[in-house]
mmCIF file of all heavy atoms, coordinates in Angstrom:
data_MODEL
# 
_entry.id   MODEL 
# 
loop_
_atom_site.group_PDB 
_atom_site.id 
_atom_site.type_symbol 
_atom_site.label_atom_id 
_atom_site.label_alt_id 
_atom_site.label_comp_id 
_atom_site.label_asym_id 
_atom_site.label_entity_id 
_atom_site.label_seq_id 
_atom_site.pdbx_PDB_ins_code 
_atom_site.Cartn_x 
_atom_site.Cartn_y 
_atom_site.Cartn_z 
_atom_site.occupancy 
_atom_site.B_iso_or_equiv 
_atom_site.pdbx_formal_charge 
_atom_site.auth_seq_id 
_atom_site.auth_comp_id 
_atom_site.auth_asym_id 
_atom_site.auth_atom_id 
_atom_site.pdbx_PDB_model_num 
ATOM 1   N N   . THR A 1 1  ? 28.210 9.184  36.580 1.00 0.00 ? 1  THR A N   1 
ATOM 2   C CA  . THR A 1 1  ? 29.183 9.007  37.665 1.00 0.00 ? 1  THR A CA  1 
ATOM 3   C C   . THR A 1 1  ? 28.801 7.910  38.648 1.00 0.00 ? 1  THR A C   1 
ATOM 4   O O   . THR A 1 1  ? 29.550 7.649  39.585 1.00 0.00 ? 1  THR A O   1 
ATOM 5   C CB  . THR A 1 1  ? 29.351 10.327 38.441 1.00 0.00 ? 1  THR A CB  1 
ATOM 6   O OG1 . THR A 1 1  ? 28.077 10.761 38.926 1.00 0.00 ? 1  THR A OG1 1 
ATOM 7   C CG2 . THR A 1 1  ? 29.946 11.411 37.545 1.00 0.00 ? 1  THR A CG2 1 
ATOM 8   N N   . GLY A 1 2  ? 27.649 7.266  38.444 1.00 0.00 ? 2  GLY A N   1 
ATOM 9   C CA  . GLY A 1 2  ? 27.275 6.216  39.378 1.00 0.00 ? 2  GLY A CA  1 
ATOM 10  C C   . GLY A 1 2  ? 26.041 5.464  38.935 1.00 0.00 ? 2  GLY A C   1 
ATOM 11  O O   . GLY A 1 2  ? 25.208 5.976  38.172 1.00 0.00 ? 2  GLY A O   1 
ATOM 12  N N   . LEU A 1 3  ? 25.961 4.229  39.403 1.00 0.00 ? 3  LEU A N   1 
ATOM 13  C CA  . LEU A 1 3  ? 24.785 3.383  39.186 1.00 0.00 ? 3  LEU A CA  1 
ATOM 14  C C   . LEU A 1 3  ? 24.232 3.041  40.562 1.00 0.00 ? 3  LEU A C   1 
ATOM 15  O O   . LEU A 1 3  ? 24.760 2.176  41.259 1.00 0.00 ? 3  LEU A O   1 
ATOM 16  C CB  . LEU A 1 3  ? 25.158 2.119  38.404 1.00 0.00 ? 3  LEU A CB  1 
ATOM 17  C CG  . LEU A 1 3  ? 25.759 2.338  37.002 1.00 0.00 ? 3  LEU A CG  1 
ATOM 18  C CD1 . LEU A 1 3  ? 26.199 1.013  36.404 1.00 0.00 ? 3  LEU A CD1 1 
ATOM 19  C CD2 . LEU A 1 3  ? 24.750 3.034  36.099 1.00 0.00 ? 3  LEU A CD2 1 
ATOM 20  N N   . GLY A 1 4  ? 23.170 3.751  40.959 1.00 0.00 ? 4  GLY A N   1 
ATOM 21  C CA  . GLY A 1 4  ? 22.610 3.554  42.278 1.00 0.00 ? 4  GLY A CA  1 
ATOM 22  C C   . GLY A 1 4  ? 21.664 2.376  42.338 1.00 0.00 ? 4  GLY A C   1 
ATOM 23  O O   . GLY A 1 4  ? 21.476 1.634  41.356 1.00 0.00 ? 4  GLY A O   1 
ATOM 24  N N   . ASP A 1 5  ? 21.044 2.176  43.504 1.00 0.00 ? 5  ASP A N   1 
ATOM 25  C CA  . ASP A 1 5  ? 20.110 1.074  43.679 1.00 0.00 ? 5  ASP A CA  1 
ATOM 26  C C   . ASP A 1 5  ? 18.888 1.219  42.787 1.00 0.00 ? 5  ASP A C   1 
ATOM 27  O O   . ASP A 1 5  ? 18.310 0.221  42.349 1.00 0.00 ? 5  ASP A O   1 
ATOM 28  C CB  . ASP A 1 5  ? 19.663 0.995  45.145 1.00 0.00 ? 5  ASP A CB  1 
ATOM 29  C CG  . ASP A 1 5  ? 20.824 0.624  46.064 1.00 0.00 ? 5  ASP A CG  1 
ATOM 30  O OD1 . ASP A 1 5  ? 21.784 -0.012 45.568 1.00 0.00 ? 5  ASP A OD1 1 
ATOM 31  O OD2 . ASP A 1 5  ? 20.767 0.979  47.245 1.00 0.00 ? 5  ASP A OD2 1 
ATOM 32  N N   . SER A 1 6  ? 18.489 2.455  42.515 1.00 0.00 ? 6  SER A N   1 
ATOM 33  C CA  . SER A 1 6  ? 17.271 2.660  41.734 1.00 0.00 ? 6  SER A CA  1 
ATOM 34  C C   . SER A 1 6  ? 17.437 3.721  40.666 1.00 0.00 ? 6  SER A C   1 
ATOM 35  O O   . SER A 1 6  ? 16.453 4.119  40.047 1.00 0.00 ? 6  SER A O   1 
ATOM 36  C CB  . SER A 1 6  ? 16.121 3.073  42.665 1.00 0.00 ? 6  SER A CB  1 
ATOM 37  O OG  . SER A 1 6  ? 16.453 4.247  43.379 1.00 0.00 ? 6  SER A OG  1 
ATOM 38  N N   . ALA A 1 7  ? 18.657 4.215  40.430 1.00 0.00 ? 7  ALA A N   1 
ATOM 39  C CA  . ALA A 1 7  ? 18.826 5.295  39.467 1.00 0.00 ? 7  ALA A CA  1 
ATOM 40  C C   . ALA A 1 7  ? 20.211 5.285  38.851 1.00 0.00 ? 7  ALA A C   1 
ATOM 41  O O   . ALA A 1 7  ? 21.180 4.833  39.463 1.00 0.00 ? 7  ALA A O   1 
ATOM 42  C CB  . ALA A 1 7  ? 18.574 6.639  40.142 1.00 0.00 ? 7  ALA A CB  1 
ATOM 43  N N   . VAL A 1 8  ? 20.273 5.791  37.612 1.00 0.00 ? 8  VAL A N   1 
ATOM 44  C CA  . VAL A 1 8  ? 21.539 6.099  36.959 1.00 0.00 ? 8  VAL A CA  1 
ATOM 45  C C   . VAL A 1 8  ? 21.865 7.555  37.274 1.00 0.00 ? 8  VAL A C   1 
ATOM 46  O O   . VAL A 1 8  ? 21.031 8.445  37.082 1.00 0.00 ? 8  VAL A O   1 
ATOM 47  C CB  . VAL A 1 8  ? 21.441 5.889  35.437 1.00 0.00 ? 8  VAL A CB  1 
ATOM 48  C CG1 . VAL A 1 8  ? 22.767 6.251  34.766 1.00 0.00 ? 8  VAL A CG1 1 
ATOM 49  C CG2 . VAL A 1 8  ? 21.060 4.450  35.114 1.00 0.00 ? 8  VAL A CG2 1 
ATOM 50  N N   . VAL A 1 9  ? 23.059 7.819  37.778 1.00 0.00 ? 9  VAL A N   1 
ATOM 51  C CA  . VAL A 1 9  ? 23.414 9.153  38.263 1.00 0.00 ? 9  VAL A CA  1 
ATOM 52  C C   . VAL A 1 9  ? 24.242 9.885  37.226 1.00 0.00 ? 9  VAL A C   1 
ATOM 53  O O   . VAL A 1 9  ? 25.303 9.409  36.798 1.00 0.00 ? 9  VAL A O   1 
ATOM 54  C CB  . VAL A 1 9  ? 24.197 9.068  39.586 1.00 0.00 ? 9  VAL A CB  1 
ATOM 55  C CG1 . VAL A 1 9  ? 24.551 10.469 40.080 1.00 0.00 ? 9  VAL A CG1 1 
ATOM 56  C CG2 . VAL A 1 9  ? 23.384 8.328  40.635 1.00 0.00 ? 9  VAL A CG2 1 
ATOM 57  N N   . LEU A 1 10 ? 23.744 11.061 36.808 1.00 0.00 ? 10 LEU A N   1 
ATOM 58  C CA  . LEU A 1 10 ? 24.486 11.958 35.936 1.00 0.00 ? 10 LEU A CA  1 
ATOM 59  C C   . LEU A 1 10 ? 24.888 13.185 36.752 1.00 0.00 ? 10 LEU A C   1 
ATOM 60  O O   . LEU A 1 10 ? 24.045 13.799 37.411 1.00 0.00 ? 10 LEU A O   1 
ATOM 61  C CB  . LEU A 1 10 ? 23.653 12.403 34.730 1.00 0.00 ? 10 LEU A CB  1 
ATOM 62  C CG  . LEU A 1 10 ? 23.439 11.368 33.608 1.00 0.00 ? 10 LEU A CG  1 
ATOM 63  C CD1 . LEU A 1 10 ? 22.309 10.420 33.972 1.00 0.00 ? 10 LEU A CD1 1 
ATOM 64  C CD2 . LEU A 1 10 ? 23.123 12.069 32.290 1.00 0.00 ? 10 LEU A CD2 1 
ATOM 65  N N   . ASN A 1 11 ? 26.163 13.514 36.711 1.00 0.00 ? 11 ASN A N   1 
ATOM 66  C CA  . ASN A 1 11 ? 26.670 14.646 37.477 1.00 0.00 ? 11 ASN A CA  1 
ATOM 67  C C   . ASN A 1 11 ? 26.708 15.893 36.582 1.00 0.00 ? 11 ASN A C   1 
ATOM 68  O O   . ASN A 1 11 ? 27.572 16.028 35.715 1.00 0.00 ? 11 ASN A O   1 
ATOM 69  C CB  . ASN A 1 11 ? 28.070 14.341 38.009 1.00 0.00 ? 11 ASN A CB  1 
ATOM 70  C CG  . ASN A 1 11 ? 28.619 15.451 38.876 1.00 0.00 ? 11 ASN A CG  1 
ATOM 71  O OD1 . ASN A 1 11 ? 29.612 16.085 38.546 1.00 0.00 ? 11 ASN A OD1 1 
ATOM 72  N ND2 . ASN A 1 11 ? 27.991 15.699 40.004 1.00 0.00 ? 11 ASN A ND2 1 
ATOM 73  N N   . GLY A 1 12 ? 25.728 16.804 36.790 1.00 0.00 ? 12 GLY A N   1 
ATOM 74  C CA  . GLY A 1 12 ? 25.713 18.041 36.026 1.00 0.00 ? 12 GLY A CA  1 
ATOM 75  C C   . GLY A 1 12 ? 26.817 18.965 36.489 1.00 0.00 ? 12 GLY A C   1 
ATOM 76  O O   . GLY A 1 12 ? 26.929 19.256 37.679 1.00 0.00 ? 12 GLY A O   1 
ATOM 77  N N   . ARG A 1 13 ? 27.645 19.451 35.565 1.00 0.00 ? 13 ARG A N   1 
ATOM 78  C CA  . ARG A 1 13 ? 28.794 20.280 35.908 1.00 0.00 ? 13 ARG A CA  1 
ATOM 79  C C   . ARG A 1 13 ? 28.797 21.544 35.066 1.00 0.00 ? 13 ARG A C   1 
ATOM 80  O O   . ARG A 1 13 ? 28.739 21.479 33.833 1.00 0.00 ? 13 ARG A O   1 
ATOM 81  C CB  . ARG A 1 13 ? 30.097 19.510 35.683 1.00 0.00 ? 13 ARG A CB  1 
ATOM 82  C CG  . ARG A 1 13 ? 30.194 18.217 36.476 1.00 0.00 ? 13 ARG A CG  1 
ATOM 83  C CD  . ARG A 1 13 ? 31.433 17.426 36.090 1.00 0.00 ? 13 ARG A CD  1 
ATOM 84  N NE  . ARG A 1 13 ? 31.542 16.195 36.865 1.00 0.00 ? 13 ARG A NE  1 
ATOM 85  C CZ  . ARG A 1 13 ? 32.499 15.271 36.692 1.00 0.00 ? 13 ARG A CZ  1 
ATOM 86  N NH1 . ARG A 1 13 ? 33.414 15.469 35.751 1.00 0.00 ? 13 ARG A NH1 1 
ATOM 87  N NH2 . ARG A 1 13 ? 32.517 14.180 37.436 1.00 0.00 ? 13 ARG A NH2 1 
ATOM 88  N N   . VAL A 1 14 ? 28.866 22.691 35.742 1.00 0.00 ? 14 VAL A N   1 
ATOM 89  C CA  . VAL A 1 14 ? 28.987 23.976 35.058 1.00 0.00 ? 14 VAL A CA  1 
ATOM 90  C C   . VAL A 1 14 ? 30.089 24.784 35.724 1.00 0.00 ? 14 VAL A C   1 
ATOM 91  O O   . VAL A 1 14 ? 30.443 24.543 36.885 1.00 0.00 ? 14 VAL A O   1 
ATOM 92  C CB  . VAL A 1 14 ? 27.652 24.763 35.082 1.00 0.00 ? 14 VAL A CB  1 
ATOM 93  C CG1 . VAL A 1 14 ? 26.548 23.980 34.371 1.00 0.00 ? 14 VAL A CG1 1 
ATOM 94  C CG2 . VAL A 1 14 ? 27.224 25.075 36.518 1.00 0.00 ? 14 VAL A CG2 1 
ATOM 95  N N   . TRP A 1 15 ? 30.621 25.748 34.980 1.00 0.00 ? 15 TRP A N   1 
ATOM 96  C CA  . TRP A 1 15 ? 31.687 26.602 35.488 1.00 0.00 ? 15 TRP A CA  1 
ATOM 97  C C   . TRP A 1 15 ? 31.211 28.047 35.520 1.00 0.00 ? 15 TRP A C   1 
ATOM 98  O O   . TRP A 1 15 ? 30.493 28.498 34.624 1.00 0.00 ? 15 TRP A O   1 
ATOM 99  C CB  . TRP A 1 15 ? 32.940 26.485 34.619 1.00 0.00 ? 15 TRP A CB  1 
ATOM 100 C CG  . TRP A 1 15 ? 33.592 25.147 34.697 1.00 0.00 ? 15 TRP A CG  1 
ATOM 101 C CD1 . TRP A 1 15 ? 33.267 24.026 33.986 1.00 0.00 ? 15 TRP A CD1 1 
ATOM 102 C CD2 . TRP A 1 15 ? 34.659 24.770 35.547 1.00 0.00 ? 15 TRP A CD2 1 
ATOM 103 N NE1 . TRP A 1 15 ? 34.075 22.976 34.345 1.00 0.00 ? 15 TRP A NE1 1 
ATOM 104 C CE2 . TRP A 1 15 ? 34.950 23.407 35.299 1.00 0.00 ? 15 TRP A CE2 1 
ATOM 105 C CE3 . TRP A 1 15 ? 35.424 25.447 36.494 1.00 0.00 ? 15 TRP A CE3 1 
ATOM 106 C CZ2 . TRP A 1 15 ? 35.963 22.727 35.961 1.00 0.00 ? 15 TRP A CZ2 1 
ATOM 107 C CZ3 . TRP A 1 15 ? 36.432 24.773 37.152 1.00 0.00 ? 15 TRP A CZ3 1 
ATOM 108 C CH2 . TRP A 1 15 ? 36.698 23.416 36.884 1.00 0.00 ? 15 TRP A CH2 1 
ATOM 109 N N   . ILE A 1 16 ? 31.628 28.768 36.553 1.00 0.00 ? 16 ILE A N   1 
ATOM 110 C CA  . ILE A 1 16 ? 31.254 30.170 36.707 1.00 0.00 ? 16 ILE A CA  1 
ATOM 111 C C   . ILE A 1 16 ? 32.482 30.990 37.078 1.00 0.00 ? 16 ILE A C   1 
ATOM 112 O O   . ILE A 1 16 ? 33.518 30.444 37.472 1.00 0.00 ? 16 ILE A O   1 
ATOM 113 C CB  . ILE A 1 16 ? 30.172 30.351 37.796 1.00 0.00 ? 16 ILE A CB  1 
ATOM 114 C CG1 . ILE A 1 16 ? 30.720 29.923 39.170 1.00 0.00 ? 16 ILE A CG1 1 
ATOM 115 C CG2 . ILE A 1 16 ? 28.891 29.604 37.449 1.00 0.00 ? 16 ILE A CG2 1 
ATOM 116 C CD1 . ILE A 1 16 ? 29.806 30.267 40.338 1.00 0.00 ? 16 ILE A CD1 1 
ATOM 117 N N   . ASP A 1 17 ? 32.346 32.306 36.949 1.00 0.00 ? 17 ASP A N   1 
ATOM 118 C CA  . ASP A 1 17 ? 33.342 33.237 37.469 1.00 0.00 ? 17 ASP A CA  1 
ATOM 119 C C   . ASP A 1 17 ? 32.859 33.665 38.846 1.00 0.00 ? 17 ASP A C   1 
ATOM 120 O O   . ASP A 1 17 ? 31.891 34.418 38.964 1.00 0.00 ? 17 ASP A O   1 
ATOM 121 C CB  . ASP A 1 17 ? 33.463 34.445 36.544 1.00 0.00 ? 17 ASP A CB  1 
ATOM 122 C CG  . ASP A 1 17 ? 34.495 35.460 37.040 1.00 0.00 ? 17 ASP A CG  1 
ATOM 123 O OD1 . ASP A 1 17 ? 35.039 35.277 38.147 1.00 0.00 ? 17 ASP A OD1 1 
ATOM 124 O OD2 . ASP A 1 17 ? 34.747 36.445 36.322 1.00 0.00 ? 17 ASP A OD2 1 
ATOM 125 N N   . PRO A 1 18 ? 33.507 33.199 39.943 1.00 0.00 ? 18 PRO A N   1 
ATOM 126 C CA  . PRO A 1 18 ? 32.988 33.483 41.292 1.00 0.00 ? 18 PRO A CA  1 
ATOM 127 C C   . PRO A 1 18 ? 32.982 34.967 41.651 1.00 0.00 ? 18 PRO A C   1 
ATOM 128 O O   . PRO A 1 18 ? 32.262 35.382 42.553 1.00 0.00 ? 18 PRO A O   1 
ATOM 129 C CB  . PRO A 1 18 ? 33.928 32.690 42.199 1.00 0.00 ? 18 PRO A CB  1 
ATOM 130 C CG  . PRO A 1 18 ? 35.189 32.521 41.416 1.00 0.00 ? 18 PRO A CG  1 
ATOM 131 C CD  . PRO A 1 18 ? 34.760 32.427 39.985 1.00 0.00 ? 18 PRO A CD  1 
ATOM 132 N N   . ALA A 1 19 ? 33.790 35.765 40.947 1.00 0.00 ? 19 ALA A N   1 
ATOM 133 C CA  . ALA A 1 19 ? 33.796 37.193 41.217 1.00 0.00 ? 19 ALA A CA  1 
ATOM 134 C C   . ALA A 1 19 ? 32.560 37.886 40.653 1.00 0.00 ? 19 ALA A C   1 
ATOM 135 O O   . ALA A 1 19 ? 32.200 38.985 41.084 1.00 0.00 ? 19 ALA A O   1 
ATOM 136 C CB  . ALA A 1 19 ? 35.048 37.831 40.634 1.00 0.00 ? 19 ALA A CB  1 
ATOM 137 N N   . GLU A 1 20 ? 31.899 37.234 39.677 1.00 0.00 ? 20 GLU A N   1 
ATOM 138 C CA  . GLU A 1 20 ? 30.740 37.832 39.022 1.00 0.00 ? 20 GLU A CA  1 
ATOM 139 C C   . GLU A 1 20 ? 29.428 37.127 39.350 1.00 0.00 ? 20 GLU A C   1 
ATOM 140 O O   . GLU A 1 20 ? 28.359 37.747 39.334 1.00 0.00 ? 20 GLU A O   1 
ATOM 141 C CB  . GLU A 1 20 ? 30.941 37.819 37.494 1.00 0.00 ? 20 GLU A CB  1 
ATOM 142 C CG  . GLU A 1 20 ? 32.185 38.540 37.016 1.00 0.00 ? 20 GLU A CG  1 
ATOM 143 C CD  . GLU A 1 20 ? 32.090 40.044 37.215 1.00 0.00 ? 20 GLU A CD  1 
ATOM 144 O OE1 . GLU A 1 20 ? 30.953 40.538 37.308 1.00 0.00 ? 20 GLU A OE1 1 
ATOM 145 O OE2 . GLU A 1 20 ? 33.136 40.717 37.277 1.00 0.00 ? 20 GLU A OE2 1 
ATOM 146 N N   . THR A 1 21 ? 29.485 35.824 39.638 1.00 0.00 ? 21 THR A N   1 
ATOM 147 C CA  . THR A 1 21 ? 28.267 35.014 39.780 1.00 0.00 ? 21 THR A CA  1 
ATOM 148 C C   . THR A 1 21 ? 28.329 34.186 41.047 1.00 0.00 ? 21 THR A C   1 
ATOM 149 O O   . THR A 1 21 ? 29.379 33.608 41.372 1.00 0.00 ? 21 THR A O   1 
ATOM 150 C CB  . THR A 1 21 ? 28.101 34.077 38.568 1.00 0.00 ? 21 THR A CB  1 
ATOM 151 O OG1 . THR A 1 21 ? 28.194 34.850 37.364 1.00 0.00 ? 21 THR A OG1 1 
ATOM 152 C CG2 . THR A 1 21 ? 26.760 33.364 38.609 1.00 0.00 ? 21 THR A CG2 1 
ATOM 153 N N   . GLY A 1 22 ? 27.195 34.101 41.758 1.00 0.00 ? 22 GLY A N   1 
ATOM 154 C CA  . GLY A 1 22 ? 27.119 33.284 42.957 1.00 0.00 ? 22 GLY A CA  1 
ATOM 155 C C   . GLY A 1 22 ? 26.847 31.825 42.628 1.00 0.00 ? 22 GLY A C   1 
ATOM 156 O O   . GLY A 1 22 ? 25.984 31.508 41.796 1.00 0.00 ? 22 GLY A O   1 
ATOM 157 N N   . ALA A 1 23 ? 27.573 30.927 43.311 1.00 0.00 ? 23 ALA A N   1 
ATOM 158 C CA  . ALA A 1 23 ? 27.414 29.490 43.035 1.00 0.00 ? 23 ALA A CA  1 
ATOM 159 C C   . ALA A 1 23 ? 26.050 28.983 43.473 1.00 0.00 ? 23 ALA A C   1 
ATOM 160 O O   . ALA A 1 23 ? 25.449 28.139 42.806 1.00 0.00 ? 23 ALA A O   1 
ATOM 161 C CB  . ALA A 1 23 ? 28.519 28.700 43.732 1.00 0.00 ? 23 ALA A CB  1 
ATOM 162 N N   . GLY A 1 24 ? 25.552 29.472 44.607 1.00 0.00 ? 24 GLY A N   1 
ATOM 163 C CA  . GLY A 1 24 ? 24.268 28.989 45.111 1.00 0.00 ? 24 GLY A CA  1 
ATOM 164 C C   . GLY A 1 24 ? 23.124 29.272 44.158 1.00 0.00 ? 24 GLY A C   1 
ATOM 165 O O   . GLY A 1 24 ? 22.278 28.398 43.893 1.00 0.00 ? 24 GLY A O   1 
# 
């Protein structure tokens, strides 16, 4: 998702059921 000044940025994405699992 991005090419920074010193790094290639990969955006890790996962999906959860908020009624069963906490995002934090």
